[in-house]
Each structure stands twice: as structure tokens, then as C-alpha cells.
C-alpha atoms as a PDB file:
ATOM      1  CA  MET A   1      68.714  48.622-106.886  1.00  0.00           C
ATOM      2  CA  LEU A   2      67.454  52.019-107.956  1.00  0.00           C
ATOM      3  CA  ASN A   3      65.046  52.157-110.908  1.00  0.00           C
ATOM      4  CA  ARG A   4      66.659  53.214-114.164  1.00  0.00           C
ATOM      5  CA  HIS A   5      64.761  55.741-116.270  1.00  0.00           C
ATOM      6  CA  ALA A   6      64.862  56.232-120.017  1.00  0.00           C
ATOM      7  CA  LEU A   7      64.978  60.054-119.624  1.00  0.00           C
ATOM      8  CA  VAL A   8      65.844  62.216-116.644  1.00  0.00           C
ATOM      9  CA  PHE A   9      65.047  65.907-116.838  1.00  0.00           C
ATOM     10  CA  LEU A  10      67.259  68.060-114.648  1.00  0.00           C
ATOM     11  CA  LEU A  11      65.785  71.456-113.867  1.00  0.00           C
ATOM     12  CA  ASP A  12      67.553  74.508-112.505  1.00  0.00           C
ATOM     13  CA  VAL A  13      65.467  76.841-110.290  1.00  0.00           C
ATOM     14  CA  ASP A  14      66.685  80.448-110.228  1.00  0.00           C
ATOM     15  CA  ASN A  15      65.737  82.281-113.452  1.00  0.00           C
ATOM     16  CA  THR A  16      64.763  78.943-114.995  1.00  0.00           C
ATOM     17  CA  LEU A  17      61.574  78.001-113.144  1.00  0.00           C
ATOM     18  CA  LEU A  18      61.167  81.205-111.127  1.00  0.00           C
ATOM     19  CA  ASP A  19      62.133  84.816-111.613  1.00  0.00           C
ATOM     20  CA  ASN A  20      64.918  85.217-109.079  1.00  0.00           C
ATOM     21  CA  ASP A  21      65.823  88.652-110.527  1.00  0.00           C
ATOM     22  CA  ARG A  22      62.400  89.932-109.448  1.00  0.00           C
ATOM     23  CA  PHE A  23      62.960  88.525-105.971  1.00  0.00           C
ATOM     24  CA  GLY A  24      66.330  90.303-105.766  1.00  0.00           C
ATOM     25  CA  ALA A  25      64.749  93.544-106.836  1.00  0.00           C
ATOM     26  CA  ASP A  26      62.037  93.182-104.174  1.00  0.00           C
ATOM     27  CA  LEU A  27      64.653  92.425-101.523  1.00  0.00           C
ATOM     28  CA  GLY A  28      66.654  95.483-102.520  1.00  0.00           C
ATOM     29  CA  ASP A  29      63.558  97.691-102.467  1.00  0.00           C
ATOM     30  CA  HIS A  30      62.671  96.392 -99.011  1.00  0.00           C
ATOM     31  CA  LEU A  31      66.133  97.047 -97.650  1.00  0.00           C
ATOM     32  CA  GLU A  32      66.098 100.618 -99.042  1.00  0.00           C
ATOM     33  CA  THR A  33      62.682 101.296 -97.504  1.00  0.00           C
ATOM     34  CA  LEU A  34      63.825 100.147 -94.095  1.00  0.00           C
ATOM     35  CA  PHE A  35      67.399 101.370 -93.980  1.00  0.00           C
ATOM     36  CA  GLY A  36      68.067 103.717 -96.918  1.00  0.00           C
ATOM     37  CA  ALA A  37      69.908 103.488-100.214  1.00  0.00           C
ATOM     38  CA  ALA A  38      73.411 103.325 -98.667  1.00  0.00           C
ATOM     39  CA  GLU A  39      72.487 100.308 -96.581  1.00  0.00           C
ATOM     40  CA  ARG A  40      70.899  98.625 -99.553  1.00  0.00           C
ATOM     41  CA  ALA A  41      74.153  99.049-101.470  1.00  0.00           C
ATOM     42  CA  ARG A  42      76.127  97.707 -98.439  1.00  0.00           C
ATOM     43  CA  TYR A  43      74.019  94.591 -98.331  1.00  0.00           C
ATOM     44  CA  TRP A  44      74.639  93.813-102.001  1.00  0.00           C
ATOM     45  CA  GLY A  45      78.331  94.490-101.514  1.00  0.00           C
ATOM     46  CA  ILE A  46      78.408  91.919 -98.738  1.00  0.00           C
ATOM     47  CA  PHE A  47      76.335  89.560-100.884  1.00  0.00           C
ATOM     48  CA  SER A  48      78.840  89.814-103.761  1.00  0.00           C
ATOM     49  CA  GLN A  49      81.793  89.211-101.522  1.00  0.00           C
ATOM     50  CA  ARG A  50      80.207  86.060-100.035  1.00  0.00           C
ATOM     51  CA  ARG A  51      79.160  84.809-103.457  1.00  0.00           C
ATOM     52  CA  ASP A  52      82.755  85.182-104.716  1.00  0.00           C
ATOM     53  CA  ALA A  53      84.160  83.451-101.604  1.00  0.00           C
ATOM     54  CA  LEU A  54      81.618  80.634-101.337  1.00  0.00           C
ATOM     55  CA  GLY A  55      80.583  80.116-104.931  1.00  0.00           C
ATOM     56  CA  LEU A  56      76.870  80.446-104.153  1.00  0.00           C
ATOM     57  CA  ALA A  57      74.218  83.017-103.488  1.00  0.00           C
ATOM     58  CA  ASP A  58      74.062  83.303 -99.671  1.00  0.00           C
ATOM     59  CA  TYR A  59      71.145  85.614 -98.791  1.00  0.00           C
ATOM     60  CA  LEU A  60      70.910  84.575 -95.132  1.00  0.00           C
ATOM     61  CA  GLY A  61      74.644  84.660 -94.459  1.00  0.00           C
ATOM     62  CA  SER A  62      74.807  88.078 -96.073  1.00  0.00           C
ATOM     63  CA  LEU A  63      72.058  89.230 -93.771  1.00  0.00           C
ATOM     64  CA  GLN A  64      73.998  87.976 -90.777  1.00  0.00           C
ATOM     65  CA  ASP A  65      76.968  90.121 -91.785  1.00  0.00           C
ATOM     66  CA  PHE A  66      74.721  92.995 -92.731  1.00  0.00           C
ATOM     67  CA  ARG A  67      73.416  93.322 -89.141  1.00  0.00           C
ATOM     68  CA  THR A  68      76.716  94.869 -88.002  1.00  0.00           C
ATOM     69  CA  GLY A  69      75.901  98.354 -86.792  1.00  0.00           C
ATOM     70  CA  LEU A  70      72.184  97.836 -87.002  1.00  0.00           C
ATOM     71  CA  ASP A  71      71.448  95.801 -83.892  1.00  0.00           C
ATOM     72  CA  GLU A  72      69.449  98.588 -82.366  1.00  0.00           C
ATOM     73  CA  HIS A  73      67.353  99.083 -85.471  1.00  0.00           C
ATOM     74  CA  PRO A  74      63.752  97.793 -84.761  1.00  0.00           C
ATOM     75  CA  GLU A  75      63.266  96.536 -88.308  1.00  0.00           C
ATOM     76  CA  LEU A  76      66.311  94.334 -88.454  1.00  0.00           C
ATOM     77  CA  LEU A  77      64.760  91.122 -87.185  1.00  0.00           C
ATOM     78  CA  GLY A  78      61.864  91.408 -89.597  1.00  0.00           C
ATOM     79  CA  LEU A  79      64.258  90.797 -92.510  1.00  0.00           C
ATOM     80  CA  SER A  80      64.365  87.100 -91.724  1.00  0.00           C
ATOM     81  CA  GLN A  81      60.608  86.906 -92.089  1.00  0.00           C
ATOM     82  CA  PHE A  82      60.769  88.769 -95.404  1.00  0.00           C
ATOM     83  CA  LEU A  83      63.200  86.179 -96.764  1.00  0.00           C
ATOM     84  CA  LEU A  84      61.733  82.981 -95.286  1.00  0.00           C
ATOM     85  CA  GLU A  85      58.088  83.889 -95.910  1.00  0.00           C
ATOM     86  CA  TYR A  86      58.538  85.518 -99.346  1.00  0.00           C
ATOM     87  CA  PRO A  87      55.712  84.480-101.723  1.00  0.00           C
ATOM     88  CA  PHE A  88      57.807  82.661-104.270  1.00  0.00           C
ATOM     89  CA  THR A  89      54.716  81.198-105.896  1.00  0.00           C
ATOM     90  CA  SER A  90      54.067  84.689-107.337  1.00  0.00           C
ATOM     91  CA  ARG A  91      57.530  84.621-108.939  1.00  0.00           C
ATOM     92  CA  LEU A  92      57.124  81.409-110.891  1.00  0.00           C
ATOM     93  CA  PHE A  93      57.531  81.958-114.590  1.00  0.00           C
ATOM     94  CA  PRO A  94      54.292  81.470-116.587  1.00  0.00           C
ATOM     95  CA  ARG A  95      53.332  77.773-116.893  1.00  0.00           C
ATOM     96  CA  ALA A  96      56.418  76.558-114.951  1.00  0.00           C
ATOM     97  CA  LEU A  97      54.517  73.977-112.854  1.00  0.00           C
ATOM     98  CA  GLU A  98      52.456  72.969-115.883  1.00  0.00           C
ATOM     99  CA  THR A  99      55.714  72.307-117.674  1.00  0.00           C
ATOM    100  CA  ILE A 100      56.904  70.046-114.894  1.00  0.00           C
ATOM    101  CA  ALA A 101      53.648  68.124-115.014  1.00  0.00           C
ATOM    102  CA  HIS A 102      54.097  67.728-118.784  1.00  0.00           C
ATOM    103  CA  LEU A 103      57.624  66.401-118.388  1.00  0.00           C
ATOM    104  CA  ARG A 104      56.390  63.800-115.933  1.00  0.00           C
ATOM    105  CA  ASN A 105      54.453  62.180-118.833  1.00  0.00           C
ATOM    106  CA  PHE A 106      57.648  61.017-120.489  1.00  0.00           C
ATOM    107  CA  SER A 107      60.555  61.594-118.120  1.00  0.00           C
ATOM    108  CA  LEU A 108      61.668  61.830-114.509  1.00  0.00           C
ATOM    109  CA  PRO A 109      61.847  65.539-113.545  1.00  0.00           C
ATOM    110  CA  VAL A 110      64.475  66.323-110.891  1.00  0.00           C
ATOM    111  CA  VAL A 111      65.464  69.722-109.505  1.00  0.00           C
ATOM    112  CA  LEU A 112      69.269  70.236-109.712  1.00  0.00           C
ATOM    113  CA  SER A 113      70.161  73.571-108.123  1.00  0.00           C
ATOM    114  CA  ASP A 114      73.085  75.448-106.651  1.00  0.00           C
ATOM    115  CA  GLY A 115      72.493  77.074-103.253  1.00  0.00           C
ATOM    116  CA  ASP A 116      72.737  76.962 -99.499  1.00  0.00           C
ATOM    117  CA  ILE A 117      71.005  74.354 -97.339  1.00  0.00           C
ATOM    118  CA  VAL A 118      68.446  76.583 -95.657  1.00  0.00           C
ATOM    119  CA  PHE A 119      67.148  79.342 -97.911  1.00  0.00           C
ATOM    120  CA  GLN A 120      67.327  77.512-101.265  1.00  0.00           C
ATOM    121  CA  PRO A 121      65.215  74.527-100.017  1.00  0.00           C
ATOM    122  CA  ARG A 122      62.784  77.028 -98.463  1.00  0.00           C
ATOM    123  CA  LYS A 123      62.504  78.862-101.813  1.00  0.00           C
ATOM    124  CA  ILE A 124      61.842  75.636-103.651  1.00  0.00           C
ATOM    125  CA  GLN A 125      59.214  74.514-101.150  1.00  0.00           C
ATOM    126  CA  ARG A 126      57.436  77.893-100.956  1.00  0.00           C
ATOM    127  CA  SER A 127      57.171  78.126-104.750  1.00  0.00           C
ATOM    128  CA  GLY A 128      55.467  74.735-105.118  1.00  0.00           C
ATOM    129  CA  ILE A 129      58.347  73.342-107.178  1.00  0.00           C
ATOM    130  CA  TRP A 130      59.357  70.815-104.480  1.00  0.00           C
ATOM    131  CA  ALA A 131      55.912  69.150-104.593  1.00  0.00           C
ATOM    132  CA  ALA A 132      55.740  69.348-108.399  1.00  0.00           C
ATOM    133  CA  VAL A 133      58.880  67.243-108.790  1.00  0.00           C
ATOM    134  CA  GLN A 134      57.623  64.881-106.047  1.00  0.00           C
ATOM    135  CA  ASN A 135      60.453  65.662-103.603  1.00  0.00           C
ATOM    136  CA  ARG A 136      63.223  64.924-106.122  1.00  0.00           C
ATOM    137  CA  VAL A 137      65.444  67.859-105.226  1.00  0.00           C
ATOM    138  CA  LEU A 138      69.241  68.113-105.254  1.00  0.00           C
ATOM    139  CA  ILE A 139      71.080  71.212-104.059  1.00  0.00           C
ATOM    140  CA  TYR A 140      74.803  71.529-104.268  1.00  0.00           C
ATOM    141  CA  VAL A 141      77.411  74.273-104.016  1.00  0.00           C
ATOM    142  CA  HIS A 142      78.620  73.482-107.564  1.00  0.00           C
ATOM    143  CA  LYS A 143      76.126  71.140-109.224  1.00  0.00           C
ATOM    144  CA  GLU A 144      78.282  70.696-112.343  1.00  0.00           C
ATOM    145  CA  LYS A 145      80.860  68.958-110.104  1.00  0.00           C
ATOM    146  CA  GLN A 146      78.357  66.453-108.668  1.00  0.00           C
ATOM    147  CA  LEU A 147      77.389  64.536-111.797  1.00  0.00           C
ATOM    148  CA  GLY A 148      78.551  61.210-110.405  1.00  0.00           C
ATOM    149  CA  PRO A 149      76.367  61.308-107.265  1.00  0.00           C
ATOM    150  CA  LEU A 150      73.529  62.722-109.431  1.00  0.00           C
ATOM    151  CA  GLN A 151      73.639  59.735-111.806  1.00  0.00           C
ATOM    152  CA  ASP A 152      73.928  57.286-108.903  1.00  0.00           C
ATOM    153  CA  ARG A 153      70.867  58.815-107.277  1.00  0.00           C
ATOM    154  CA  TYR A 154      68.783  58.990-110.464  1.00  0.00           C
ATOM    155  CA  PRO A 155      70.099  56.460-113.007  1.00  0.00           C
ATOM    156  CA  GLY A 156      69.079  57.214-116.566  1.00  0.00           C
ATOM    157  CA  ASP A 157      69.769  56.217-120.152  1.00  0.00           C
ATOM    158  CA  HIS A 158      69.767  59.895-121.113  1.00  0.00           C
ATOM    159  CA  TYR A 159      69.683  63.204-119.302  1.00  0.00           C
ATOM    160  CA  VAL A 160      68.442  66.699-120.176  1.00  0.00           C
ATOM    161  CA  MET A 161      69.675  69.743-118.257  1.00  0.00           C
ATOM    162  CA  VAL A 162      67.611  72.964-118.404  1.00  0.00           C
ATOM    163  CA  ASP A 163      69.448  76.073-117.135  1.00  0.00           C
ATOM    164  CA  ASP A 164      69.762  79.827-117.669  1.00  0.00           C
ATOM    165  CA  LYS A 165      73.587  79.663-117.398  1.00  0.00           C
ATOM    166  CA  ALA A 166      75.314  78.656-120.611  1.00  0.00           C
ATOM    167  CA  ASN A 167      78.614  78.052-118.880  1.00  0.00           C
ATOM    168  CA  ILE A 168      77.053  75.528-116.485  1.00  0.00           C
ATOM    169  CA  LEU A 169      75.472  73.728-119.458  1.00  0.00           C
ATOM    170  CA  ALA A 170      78.809  73.662-121.258  1.00  0.00           C
ATOM    171  CA  ALA A 171      80.652  72.194-118.255  1.00  0.00           C
ATOM    172  CA  MET A 172      78.071  69.455-117.900  1.00  0.00           C
ATOM    173  CA  LYS A 173      78.008  68.670-121.589  1.00  0.00           C
ATOM    174  CA  THR A 174      81.797  68.360-121.604  1.00  0.00           C
ATOM    175  CA  ALA A 175      81.631  65.847-118.724  1.00  0.00           C
ATOM    176  CA  MET A 176      78.638  63.759-119.980  1.00  0.00           C
ATOM    177  CA  ASN A 177      78.997  64.151-123.792  1.00  0.00           C
ATOM    178  CA  ASP A 178      76.164  62.471-125.717  1.00  0.00           C
ATOM    179  CA  ARG A 179      74.423  61.231-122.604  1.00  0.00           C
ATOM    180  CA  LEU A 180      73.266  64.817-121.936  1.00  0.00           C
ATOM    181  CA  THR A 181      71.139  67.204-123.949  1.00  0.00           C
ATOM    182  CA  THR A 182      71.539  70.790-122.827  1.00  0.00           C
ATOM    183  CA  VAL A 183      68.646  73.255-122.949  1.00  0.00           C
ATOM    184  CA  PHE A 184      69.447  76.952-122.542  1.00  0.00           C
ATOM    185  CA  VAL A 185      66.558  79.137-121.304  1.00  0.00           C
ATOM    186  CA  ARG A 186      67.004  82.825-122.229  1.00  0.00           C
ATOM    187  CA  GLN A 187      65.500  84.157-119.015  1.00  0.00           C
ATOM    188  CA  GLY A 188      67.195  86.405-116.447  1.00  0.00           C
ATOM    189  CA  HIS A 189      70.329  88.546-116.448  1.00  0.00           C
ATOM    190  CA  TYR A 190      72.842  85.717-116.796  1.00  0.00           C
ATOM    191  CA  ALA A 191      71.125  84.328-119.877  1.00  0.00           C
ATOM    192  CA  LEU A 192      70.945  87.753-121.558  1.00  0.00           C
ATOM    193  CA  ALA A 193      74.632  88.560-120.946  1.00  0.00           C
ATOM    194  CA  ALA A 194      76.623  88.819-124.184  1.00  0.00           C
ATOM    195  CA  ASP A 195      79.116  86.093-123.228  1.00  0.00           C
ATOM    196  CA  SER A 196      76.294  83.517-123.092  1.00  0.00           C
ATOM    197  CA  ASN A 197      76.387  83.509-126.906  1.00  0.00           C
ATOM    198  CA  THR A 198      80.031  82.491-127.130  1.00  0.00           C
ATOM    199  CA  VAL A 199      80.182  79.520-124.699  1.00  0.00           C
ATOM    200  CA  ILE A 200      81.650  76.288-126.096  1.00  0.00           C
ATOM    201  CA  PRO A 201      80.184  73.808-126.436  1.00  0.00           C
ATOM    202  CA  ALA A 202      77.043  75.681-127.394  1.00  0.00           C
ATOM    203  CA  PRO A 203      73.707  74.530-125.940  1.00  0.00           C
ATOM    204  CA  ASP A 204      71.966  71.785-127.888  1.00  0.00           C
ATOM    205  CA  LEU A 205      68.658  73.640-127.727  1.00  0.00           C
ATOM    206  CA  THR A 206      67.766  77.275-126.881  1.00  0.00           C
ATOM    207  CA  ILE A 207      64.304  78.313-125.760  1.00  0.00           C
ATOM    208  CA  GLU A 208      62.951  81.721-124.811  1.00  0.00           C
ATOM    209  CA  ARG A 209      60.895  80.645-121.781  1.00  0.00           C
ATOM    210  CA  ILE A 210      60.405  77.569-119.652  1.00  0.00           C
ATOM    211  CA  GLY A 211      56.887  77.108-120.940  1.00  0.00           C
ATOM    212  CA  ASP A 212      58.221  76.403-124.423  1.00  0.00           C
ATOM    213  CA  LEU A 213      59.031  72.866-123.239  1.00  0.00           C
ATOM    214  CA  LEU A 214      55.319  72.153-123.350  1.00  0.00           C
ATOM    215  CA  ASP A 215      55.800  71.723-127.103  1.00  0.00           C
ATOM    216  CA  TYR A 216      58.420  68.975-126.654  1.00  0.00           C
ATOM    217  CA  ASN A 217      58.009  65.243-126.096  1.00  0.00           C
ATOM    218  CA  LEU A 218      60.156  62.134-125.744  1.00  0.00           C
ATOM    219  CA  SER A 219      60.793  61.930-129.496  1.00  0.00           C
ATOM    220  CA  ASP A 220      62.561  65.350-129.427  1.00  0.00           C
ATOM    221  CA  PHE A 221      65.456  64.049-127.263  1.00  0.00           C
ATOM    222  CA  LYS A 222      68.182  61.550-128.066  1.00  0.00           C
ATOM    223  CA  VAL A 223      66.944  58.741-125.958  1.00  0.00           C
ATOM    224  CA  PRO A 224      68.523  55.311-126.686  1.00  0.00           C
ATOM    225  CA  PRO A 225      66.066  52.703-127.977  1.00  0.00           C
END
């Protein structure tokens, strides 16, 4: 039987623990340097189409489609190295790993992320997050629809979800009710969008940066006695 924990902390990755917007800007700049502004725009057009179709950010799949018409370009194959070897440690938000270490003192930290099964794990590993949560990493296409398997894998009396997307938090709160505390991190373009302020149910707690959780302890969450 799996161990049951009093408190399980679920941590999103992109724009929660690391600055994925900065990574996207770097990727765009690199594409423009190699291929020009028009090709940069074409890549992001492909990316948006695949995201709408698949429901996830597919950087590698978009690159596969992007190669059309560029097979003779000498820089094309180097794009895979740029993505897979990108220094994600440098894109961690301040005190992100310190925050995970702090959470380990009174909870079980688990990464719960959306993403593909190649690039997203690579990102989490390269950033040091994978090691910080001691290999407890779950990656789904739609994480808010996988709450049953999540709770089977990591049984807990209470859960906390930390995310930059208010709509994801609302969906999870609706499904889990009082067994979940939602924490909205106002980092990144999704969090700063105007509609984040009107989502129902509203987040239980809003913080400005992931490092703010260093000021919280077990007594700050609704853990059953």
C-alpha cells in the first residue's frame, strides 16, 4: 500500500517554477537570427496551431513541421540542440529550488505539469526541478483531468496546487472541493491576463512570486487533524 501523506504540494512548472516566457523569447530570437523574422513568425504560427489541436505546447513537433522548405539550410539541425540543451537552470525563478526544499519540511512536493513526453521532462531535468522533488514528476496532456490517477499515485489527506493559470486552479478546485487549496502565482503572461481576475471559483491564495511560499508552513493550510 502506498504511504498516505498529510499534505501533498502539487507544483506546476512553466511560469510557476521557471520563466517559460523568457525561454520562448530566447527561442524566437534564435529563430530570427538563423532564418529571419518571417520564419520566426511562421514557427510560432505552427506552434499555435499545434497547441490548439493537441492541447499542449509542442515545441519539438512544431520544429518538425517548421523544417518544411528549410532542409537545405545548414542551421536547421542545430535547432534540436538549442531546445534539448537549453540552460533551463538560468530560467528558474528566484528561490524556486529553495522553496521546494522548504516545502519538503512539512509536505510531499510533486510536480504536476502539462506537456509532451520528450521536451517537458527534459526541461524539468535540465532545470534541476526533477531532482529537487526527488523524481516525483507527473506530466499529462490535461492535468486537471487526471486527478484520480494523481491521488492514487500520491495519496494525501489534503492537497495544494500551485499554478500560474487561474482556470486550471478553478477546474481542480471544482473537482476536489475542500480537499484542495489553490495557490495562484502571478508570474507570466497567463497570470497577468485580465480574465485571470474573474475566474470562478477564485483561488484560495494569491502570491506574487514562487519564493513567497517560503513564508508559509503546515499551519497555513487546511490539513485535517
